Amino acid sequence: MDSKEHVKAGNALIGWFNSQEILPSDAECIMIKVLAKLLVTEAGFTPGGSPPNAQKLLDHAIDSFTLDLVHAINDRLFHVRRK
């Protein structure tokens, strides 16, 4: 997906939360659980076992996510402040 598709998907997700009358705090909790599942899965953790380097992969996934989150917040702040 390109960045325009990401924005469109993000707006659709926000629209869905709003249409379901999900409070922002509840939406945040939901997204945190979804992200936790994605990061753990990406690292290779499974109910049946995990690769020997799974913790290192999880640490890397968390670091990458944190960096992406900081960049996304900075981008959002830039656009909000320009208005």
PDB file of N, CA and C in Angstrom:
ATOM      1  N   MET A   1       0.832  -1.183   0.000  1.00  0.00           N
ATOM      2  CA  MET A   1       0.000   0.000   0.000  1.00  0.00           C
ATOM      3  C   MET A   1       0.878   1.248   0.000  1.00  0.00           C
ATOM      4  N   ASP A   2       0.417   2.262  -0.697  1.00  0.00           N
ATOM      5  CA  ASP A   2       1.150   3.526  -0.644  1.00  0.00           C
ATOM      6  C   ASP A   2       0.578   4.404   0.475  1.00  0.00           C
ATOM      7  N   SER A   3       1.171   5.577   0.668  1.00  0.00           N
ATOM      8  CA  SER A   3       0.773   6.416   1.801  1.00  0.00           C
ATOM      9  C   SER A   3      -0.672   6.907   1.678  1.00  0.00           C
ATOM     10  N   LYS A   4      -1.149   7.162   0.475  1.00  0.00           N
ATOM     11  CA  LYS A   4      -2.542   7.577   0.302  1.00  0.00           C
ATOM     12  C   LYS A   4      -3.500   6.462   0.718  1.00  0.00           C
ATOM     13  N   GLU A   5      -3.132   5.227   0.400  1.00  0.00           N
ATOM     14  CA  GLU A   5      -3.963   4.087   0.792  1.00  0.00           C
ATOM     15  C   GLU A   5      -3.929   3.892   2.312  1.00  0.00           C
ATOM     16  N   HIS A   6      -2.780   4.135   2.920  1.00  0.00           N
ATOM     17  CA  HIS A   6      -2.668   4.057   4.385  1.00  0.00           C
ATOM     18  C   HIS A   6      -3.597   5.078   5.038  1.00  0.00           C
ATOM     19  N   VAL A   7      -3.584   6.308   4.518  1.00  0.00           N
ATOM     20  CA  VAL A   7      -4.441   7.362   5.071  1.00  0.00           C
ATOM     21  C   VAL A   7      -5.909   6.980   4.908  1.00  0.00           C
ATOM     22  N   LYS A   8      -6.254   6.488   3.726  1.00  0.00           N
ATOM     23  CA  LYS A   8      -7.639   6.095   3.458  1.00  0.00           C
ATOM     24  C   LYS A   8      -8.073   4.969   4.398  1.00  0.00           C
ATOM     25  N   ALA A   9      -7.216   3.974   4.596  1.00  0.00           N
ATOM     26  CA  ALA A   9      -7.542   2.862   5.496  1.00  0.00           C
ATOM     27  C   ALA A   9      -7.643   3.348   6.940  1.00  0.00           C
ATOM     28  N   GLY A  10      -6.739   4.230   7.348  1.00  0.00           N
ATOM     29  CA  GLY A  10      -6.783   4.778   8.702  1.00  0.00           C
ATOM     30  C   GLY A  10      -8.060   5.567   8.943  1.00  0.00           C
ATOM     31  N   ASN A  11      -8.443   6.377   7.968  1.00  0.00           N
ATOM     32  CA  ASN A  11      -9.680   7.147   8.094  1.00  0.00           C
ATOM     33  C   ASN A  11     -10.899   6.231   8.141  1.00  0.00           C
ATOM     34  N   ALA A  12     -10.869   5.145   7.377  1.00  0.00           N
ATOM     35  CA  ALA A  12     -11.976   4.179   7.404  1.00  0.00           C
ATOM     36  C   ALA A  12     -12.069   3.518   8.779  1.00  0.00           C
ATOM     37  N   LEU A  13     -10.920   3.199   9.352  1.00  0.00           N
ATOM     38  CA  LEU A  13     -10.911   2.584  10.687  1.00  0.00           C
ATOM     39  C   LEU A  13     -11.447   3.558  11.736  1.00  0.00           C
ATOM     40  N   ILE A  14     -11.017   4.802  11.676  1.00  0.00           N
ATOM     41  CA  ILE A  14     -11.537   5.817  12.589  1.00  0.00           C
ATOM     42  C   ILE A  14     -13.038   5.984  12.394  1.00  0.00           C
ATOM     43  N   GLY A  15     -13.477   5.991  11.144  1.00  0.00           N
ATOM     44  CA  GLY A  15     -14.907   6.078  10.856  1.00  0.00           C
ATOM     45  C   GLY A  15     -15.678   4.913  11.442  1.00  0.00           C
ATOM     46  N   TRP A  16     -15.101   3.716  11.373  1.00  0.00           N
ATOM     47  CA  TRP A  16     -15.762   2.548  11.949  1.00  0.00           C
ATOM     48  C   TRP A  16     -15.866   2.677  13.463  1.00  0.00           C
ATOM     49  N   PHE A  17     -14.778   3.085  14.120  1.00  0.00           N
ATOM     50  CA  PHE A  17     -14.822   3.292  15.571  1.00  0.00           C
ATOM     51  C   PHE A  17     -15.926   4.290  15.917  1.00  0.00           C
ATOM     52  N   ASN A  18     -15.983   5.383  15.161  1.00  0.00           N
ATOM     53  CA  ASN A  18     -17.004   6.396  15.420  1.00  0.00           C
ATOM     54  C   ASN A  18     -18.409   5.852  15.189  1.00  0.00           C
ATOM     55  N   SER A  19     -18.591   5.085  14.121  1.00  0.00           N
ATOM     56  CA  SER A  19     -19.927   4.551  13.815  1.00  0.00           C
ATOM     57  C   SER A  19     -20.389   3.554  14.874  1.00  0.00           C
ATOM     58  N   GLN A  20     -19.450   2.920  15.546  1.00  0.00           N
ATOM     59  CA  GLN A  20     -19.779   1.972  16.609  1.00  0.00           C
ATOM     60  C   GLN A  20     -19.856   2.667  17.972  1.00  0.00           C
ATOM     61  N   GLU A  21     -19.651   3.986  17.962  1.00  0.00           N
ATOM     62  CA  GLU A  21     -19.655   4.799  19.177  1.00  0.00           C
ATOM     63  C   GLU A  21     -18.651   4.291  20.211  1.00  0.00           C
ATOM     64  N   ILE A  22     -17.474   3.919  19.712  1.00  0.00           N
ATOM     65  CA  ILE A  22     -16.381   3.463  20.566  1.00  0.00           C
ATOM     66  C   ILE A  22     -15.592   4.697  21.004  1.00  0.00           C
ATOM     67  N   LEU A  23     -15.448   4.861  22.307  1.00  0.00           N
ATOM     68  CA  LEU A  23     -14.721   6.003  22.851  1.00  0.00           C
ATOM     69  C   LEU A  23     -13.252   5.951  22.423  1.00  0.00           C
ATOM     70  N   PRO A  24     -12.614   7.106  22.269  1.00  0.00           N
ATOM     71  CA  PRO A  24     -11.194   7.116  21.908  1.00  0.00           C
ATOM     72  C   PRO A  24     -10.326   6.286  22.850  1.00  0.00           C
ATOM     73  N   SER A  25     -10.605   6.321  24.146  1.00  0.00           N
ATOM     74  CA  SER A  25      -9.804   5.537  25.094  1.00  0.00           C
ATOM     75  C   SER A  25      -9.984   4.036  24.853  1.00  0.00           C
ATOM     76  N   ASP A  26     -11.205   3.617  24.519  1.00  0.00           N
ATOM     77  CA  ASP A  26     -11.442   2.206  24.207  1.00  0.00           C
ATOM     78  C   ASP A  26     -10.801   1.828  22.868  1.00  0.00           C
ATOM     79  N   ALA A  27     -10.863   2.730  21.903  1.00  0.00           N
ATOM     80  CA  ALA A  27     -10.226   2.482  20.606  1.00  0.00           C
ATOM     81  C   ALA A  27      -8.715   2.304  20.787  1.00  0.00           C
ATOM     82  N   GLU A  28      -8.131   3.111  21.667  1.00  0.00           N
ATOM     83  CA  GLU A  28      -6.697   2.990  21.951  1.00  0.00           C
ATOM     84  C   GLU A  28      -6.379   1.618  22.546  1.00  0.00           C
ATOM     85  N   CYS A  29      -7.178   1.177  23.505  1.00  0.00           N
ATOM     86  CA  CYS A  29      -6.962  -0.152  24.120  1.00  0.00           C
ATOM     87  C   CYS A  29      -7.078  -1.255  23.077  1.00  0.00           C
ATOM     88  N   ILE A  30      -8.059  -1.141  22.195  1.00  0.00           N
ATOM     89  CA  ILE A  30      -8.246  -2.138  21.136  1.00  0.00           C
ATOM     90  C   ILE A  30      -7.036  -2.163  20.216  1.00  0.00           C
ATOM     91  N   MET A  31      -6.579  -0.991  19.792  1.00  0.00           N
ATOM     92  CA  MET A  31      -5.441  -0.929  18.877  1.00  0.00           C
ATOM     93  C   MET A  31      -4.168  -1.448  19.538  1.00  0.00           C
ATOM     94  N   ILE A  32      -3.998  -1.200  20.832  1.00  0.00           N
ATOM     95  CA  ILE A  32      -2.827  -1.714  21.545  1.00  0.00           C
ATOM     96  C   ILE A  32      -2.832  -3.241  21.526  1.00  0.00           C
ATOM     97  N   LYS A  33      -3.996  -3.847  21.775  1.00  0.00           N
ATOM     98  CA  LYS A  33      -4.084  -5.313  21.760  1.00  0.00           C
ATOM     99  C   LYS A  33      -3.811  -5.871  20.371  1.00  0.00           C
ATOM    100  N   VAL A  34      -4.323  -5.197  19.344  1.00  0.00           N
ATOM    101  CA  VAL A  34      -4.076  -5.633  17.965  1.00  0.00           C
ATOM    102  C   VAL A  34      -2.590  -5.538  17.646  1.00  0.00           C
ATOM    103  N   LEU A  35      -1.966  -4.419  18.008  1.00  0.00           N
ATOM    104  CA  LEU A  35      -0.537  -4.248  17.748  1.00  0.00           C
ATOM    105  C   LEU A  35       0.308  -5.264  18.511  1.00  0.00           C
ATOM    106  N   ALA A  36      -0.065  -5.544  19.753  1.00  0.00           N
ATOM    107  CA  ALA A  36       0.668  -6.554  20.529  1.00  0.00           C
ATOM    108  C   ALA A  36       0.612  -7.904  19.821  1.00  0.00           C
ATOM    109  N   LYS A  37      -0.563  -8.268  19.339  1.00  0.00           N
ATOM    110  CA  LYS A  37      -0.701  -9.545  18.632  1.00  0.00           C
ATOM    111  C   LYS A  37       0.160  -9.564  17.372  1.00  0.00           C
ATOM    112  N   LEU A  38       0.148  -8.466  16.613  1.00  0.00           N
ATOM    113  CA  LEU A  38       0.945  -8.401  15.391  1.00  0.00           C
ATOM    114  C   LEU A  38       2.443  -8.481  15.681  1.00  0.00           C
ATOM    115  N   LEU A  39       2.904  -7.762  16.705  1.00  0.00           N
ATOM    116  CA  LEU A  39       4.335  -7.758  17.029  1.00  0.00           C
ATOM    117  C   LEU A  39       4.803  -9.125  17.522  1.00  0.00           C
ATOM    118  N   VAL A  40       4.001  -9.759  18.364  1.00  0.00           N
ATOM    119  CA  VAL A  40       4.372 -11.084  18.881  1.00  0.00           C
ATOM    120  C   VAL A  40       4.379 -12.108  17.747  1.00  0.00           C
ATOM    121  N   THR A  41       3.393 -12.025  16.865  1.00  0.00           N
ATOM    122  CA  THR A  41       3.333 -12.945  15.724  1.00  0.00           C
ATOM    123  C   THR A  41       4.515 -12.713  14.789  1.00  0.00           C
ATOM    124  N   GLU A  42       4.837 -11.432  14.532  1.00  0.00           N
ATOM    125  CA  GLU A  42       5.962 -11.092  13.664  1.00  0.00           C
ATOM    126  C   GLU A  42       7.273 -11.653  14.207  1.00  0.00           C
ATOM    127  N   ALA A  43       7.407 -11.688  15.522  1.00  0.00           N
ATOM    128  CA  ALA A  43       8.627 -12.201  16.150  1.00  0.00           C
ATOM    129  C   ALA A  43       8.704 -13.719  16.104  1.00  0.00           C
ATOM    130  N   GLY A  44       7.609 -14.371  15.758  1.00  0.00           N
ATOM    131  CA  GLY A  44       7.638 -15.822  15.613  1.00  0.00           C
ATOM    132  C   GLY A  44       7.132 -16.602  16.812  1.00  0.00           C
ATOM    133  N   PHE A  45       6.615 -15.915  17.819  1.00  0.00           N
ATOM    134  CA  PHE A  45       6.058 -16.616  18.972  1.00  0.00           C
ATOM    135  C   PHE A  45       4.762 -17.310  18.554  1.00  0.00           C
ATOM    136  N   THR A  46       4.648 -18.577  18.890  1.00  0.00           N
ATOM    137  CA  THR A  46       3.437 -19.337  18.591  1.00  0.00           C
ATOM    138  C   THR A  46       3.092 -20.187  19.808  1.00  0.00           C
ATOM    139  N   PRO A  47       1.830 -20.638  19.901  1.00  0.00           N
ATOM    140  CA  PRO A  47       1.460 -21.500  21.030  1.00  0.00           C
ATOM    141  C   PRO A  47       2.296 -22.771  21.108  1.00  0.00           C
ATOM    142  N   GLY A  48       2.762 -23.258  19.966  1.00  0.00           N
ATOM    143  CA  GLY A  48       3.532 -24.498  19.947  1.00  0.00           C
ATOM    144  C   GLY A  48       5.016 -24.327  20.184  1.00  0.00           C
ATOM    145  N   GLY A  49       5.473 -23.108  20.343  1.00  0.00           N
ATOM    146  CA  GLY A  49       6.902 -22.857  20.524  1.00  0.00           C
ATOM    147  C   GLY A  49       7.321 -21.649  19.718  1.00  0.00           C
ATOM    148  N   SER A  50       8.563 -21.295  19.837  1.00  0.00           N
ATOM    149  CA  SER A  50       9.059 -20.131  19.115  1.00  0.00           C
ATOM    150  C   SER A  50      10.515 -20.361  18.749  1.00  0.00           C
ATOM    151  N   PRO A  51      10.994 -19.624  17.731  1.00  0.00           N
ATOM    152  CA  PRO A  51      12.395 -19.783  17.351  1.00  0.00           C
ATOM    153  C   PRO A  51      13.319 -19.293  18.467  1.00  0.00           C
ATOM    154  N   PRO A  52      14.546 -19.764  18.498  1.00  0.00           N
ATOM    155  CA  PRO A  52      15.472 -19.377  19.559  1.00  0.00           C
ATOM    156  C   PRO A  52      15.739 -17.874  19.611  1.00  0.00           C
ATOM    157  N   ASN A  53      15.622 -17.193  18.496  1.00  0.00           N
ATOM    158  CA  ASN A  53      15.901 -15.751  18.469  1.00  0.00           C
ATOM    159  C   ASN A  53      14.617 -14.913  18.542  1.00  0.00           C
ATOM    160  N   ALA A  54      13.518 -15.511  18.995  1.00  0.00           N
ATOM    161  CA  ALA A  54      12.230 -14.812  19.010  1.00  0.00           C
ATOM    162  C   ALA A  54      12.274 -13.555  19.874  1.00  0.00           C
ATOM    163  N   GLN A  55      12.925 -13.612  21.024  1.00  0.00           N
ATOM    164  CA  GLN A  55      12.977 -12.422  21.890  1.00  0.00           C
ATOM    165  C   GLN A  55      13.725 -11.290  21.210  1.00  0.00           C
ATOM    166  N   LYS A  56      14.821 -11.621  20.528  1.00  0.00           N
ATOM    167  CA  LYS A  56      15.578 -10.593  19.800  1.00  0.00           C
ATOM    168  C   LYS A  56      14.721 -10.010  18.676  1.00  0.00           C
ATOM    169  N   LEU A  57      13.969 -10.863  17.979  1.00  0.00           N
ATOM    170  CA  LEU A  57      13.082 -10.385  16.921  1.00  0.00           C
ATOM    171  C   LEU A  57      11.971  -9.502  17.486  1.00  0.00           C
ATOM    172  N   LEU A  58      11.453  -9.873  18.648  1.00  0.00           N
ATOM    173  CA  LEU A  58      10.418  -9.065  19.290  1.00  0.00           C
ATOM    174  C   LEU A  58      10.983  -7.705  19.697  1.00  0.00           C
ATOM    175  N   ASP A  59      12.162  -7.693  20.275  1.00  0.00           N
ATOM    176  CA  ASP A  59      12.804  -6.426  20.647  1.00  0.00           C
ATOM    177  C   ASP A  59      12.971  -5.528  19.426  1.00  0.00           C
ATOM    178  N   HIS A  60      13.409  -6.117  18.312  1.00  0.00           N
ATOM    179  CA  HIS A  60      13.584  -5.354  17.069  1.00  0.00           C
ATOM    180  C   HIS A  60      12.231  -4.832  16.566  1.00  0.00           C
ATOM    181  N   ALA A  61      11.192  -5.676  16.614  1.00  0.00           N
ATOM    182  CA  ALA A  61       9.859  -5.265  16.158  1.00  0.00           C
ATOM    183  C   ALA A  61       9.335  -4.109  17.004  1.00  0.00           C
ATOM    184  N   ILE A  62       9.553  -4.174  18.310  1.00  0.00           N
ATOM    185  CA  ILE A  62       9.105  -3.094  19.206  1.00  0.00           C
ATOM    186  C   ILE A  62       9.885  -1.811  18.920  1.00  0.00           C
ATOM    187  N   ASP A  63      11.187  -1.928  18.720  1.00  0.00           N
ATOM    188  CA  ASP A  63      11.996  -0.748  18.393  1.00  0.00           C
ATOM    189  C   ASP A  63      11.546  -0.119  17.080  1.00  0.00           C
ATOM    190  N   SER A  64      11.300  -0.946  16.072  1.00  0.00           N
ATOM    191  CA  SER A  64      10.849  -0.440  14.768  1.00  0.00           C
ATOM    192  C   SER A  64       9.491   0.238  14.888  1.00  0.00           C
ATOM    193  N   PHE A  65       8.581  -0.405  15.644  1.00  0.00           N
ATOM    194  CA  PHE A  65       7.256   0.180  15.845  1.00  0.00           C
ATOM    195  C   PHE A  65       7.358   1.523  16.551  1.00  0.00           C
ATOM    196  N   THR A  66       8.188   1.597  17.588  1.00  0.00           N
ATOM    197  CA  THR A  66       8.345   2.841  18.346  1.00  0.00           C
ATOM    198  C   THR A  66       8.871   3.952  17.445  1.00  0.00           C
ATOM    199  N   LEU A  67       9.850   3.638  16.622  1.00  0.00           N
ATOM    200  CA  LEU A  67      10.394   4.628  15.690  1.00  0.00           C
ATOM    201  C   LEU A  67       9.318   5.088  14.710  1.00  0.00           C
ATOM    202  N   ASP A  68       8.553   4.142  14.155  1.00  0.00           N
ATOM    203  CA  ASP A  68       7.477   4.492  13.231  1.00  0.00           C
ATOM    204  C   ASP A  68       6.412   5.353  13.912  1.00  0.00           C
ATOM    205  N   LEU A  69       6.104   5.036  15.169  1.00  0.00           N
ATOM    206  CA  LEU A  69       5.117   5.810  15.920  1.00  0.00           C
ATOM    207  C   LEU A  69       5.592   7.244  16.131  1.00  0.00           C
ATOM    208  N   VAL A  70       6.847   7.410  16.489  1.00  0.00           N
ATOM    209  CA  VAL A  70       7.402   8.754  16.689  1.00  0.00           C
ATOM    210  C   VAL A  70       7.338   9.546  15.385  1.00  0.00           C
ATOM    211  N   HIS A  71       7.695   8.929  14.277  1.00  0.00           N
ATOM    212  CA  HIS A  71       7.625   9.611  12.973  1.00  0.00           C
ATOM    213  C   HIS A  71       6.181   9.980  12.632  1.00  0.00           C
ATOM    214  N   ALA A  72       5.248   9.081  12.877  1.00  0.00           N
ATOM    215  CA  ALA A  72       3.841   9.349  12.584  1.00  0.00           C
ATOM    216  C   ALA A  72       3.310  10.494  13.444  1.00  0.00           C
ATOM    217  N   ILE A  73       3.699  10.530  14.709  1.00  0.00           N
ATOM    218  CA  ILE A  73       3.280  11.621  15.598  1.00  0.00           C
ATOM    219  C   ILE A  73       3.864  12.941  15.112  1.00  0.00           C
ATOM    220  N   ASN A  74       5.140  12.947  14.740  1.00  0.00           N
ATOM    221  CA  ASN A  74       5.761  14.172  14.232  1.00  0.00           C
ATOM    222  C   ASN A  74       5.074  14.654  12.960  1.00  0.00           C
ATOM    223  N   ASP A  75       4.756  13.734  12.049  1.00  0.00           N
ATOM    224  CA  ASP A  75       4.038  14.096  10.823  1.00  0.00           C
ATOM    225  C   ASP A  75       2.673  14.684  11.149  1.00  0.00           C
ATOM    226  N   ARG A  76       1.965  14.040  12.073  1.00  0.00           N
ATOM    227  CA  ARG A  76       0.629  14.518  12.452  1.00  0.00           C
ATOM    228  C   ARG A  76       0.711  15.903  13.090  1.00  0.00           C
ATOM    229  N   LEU A  77       1.667  16.107  13.998  1.00  0.00           N
ATOM    230  CA  LEU A  77       1.846  17.411  14.614  1.00  0.00           C
ATOM    231  C   LEU A  77       2.168  18.493  13.580  1.00  0.00           C
ATOM    232  N   PHE A  78       2.987  18.156  12.615  1.00  0.00           N
ATOM    233  CA  PHE A  78       3.340  19.104  11.562  1.00  0.00           C
ATOM    234  C   PHE A  78       2.089  19.546  10.807  1.00  0.00           C
ATOM    235  N   HIS A  79       1.237  18.578  10.447  1.00  0.00           N
ATOM    236  CA  HIS A  79       0.020  18.907   9.687  1.00  0.00           C
ATOM    237  C   HIS A  79      -0.996  19.654  10.526  1.00  0.00           C
ATOM    238  N   VAL A  80      -1.110  19.300  11.797  1.00  0.00           N
ATOM    239  CA  VAL A  80      -2.060  19.973  12.682  1.00  0.00           C
ATOM    240  C   VAL A  80      -1.629  21.418  12.925  1.00  0.00           C
ATOM    241  N   ARG A  81      -0.357  21.625  13.108  1.00  0.00           N
ATOM    242  CA  ARG A  81       0.149  22.981  13.404  1.00  0.00           C
ATOM    243  C   ARG A  81       0.090  23.899  12.193  1.00  0.00           C
ATOM    244  N   ARG A  82       0.082  23.309  10.982  1.00  0.00           N
ATOM    245  CA  ARG A  82       0.030  24.119   9.766  1.00  0.00           C
ATOM    246  C   ARG A  82      -1.350  24.702   9.527  1.00  0.00           C
ATOM    247  N   LYS A  83      -2.375  24.117  10.132  1.00  0.00           N
ATOM    248  CA  LYS A  83      -3.756  24.556   9.875  1.00  0.00           C
ATOM    249  C   LYS A  83      -4.109  25.810  10.618  1.00  0.00           C
TER     250      LYS A  83
END
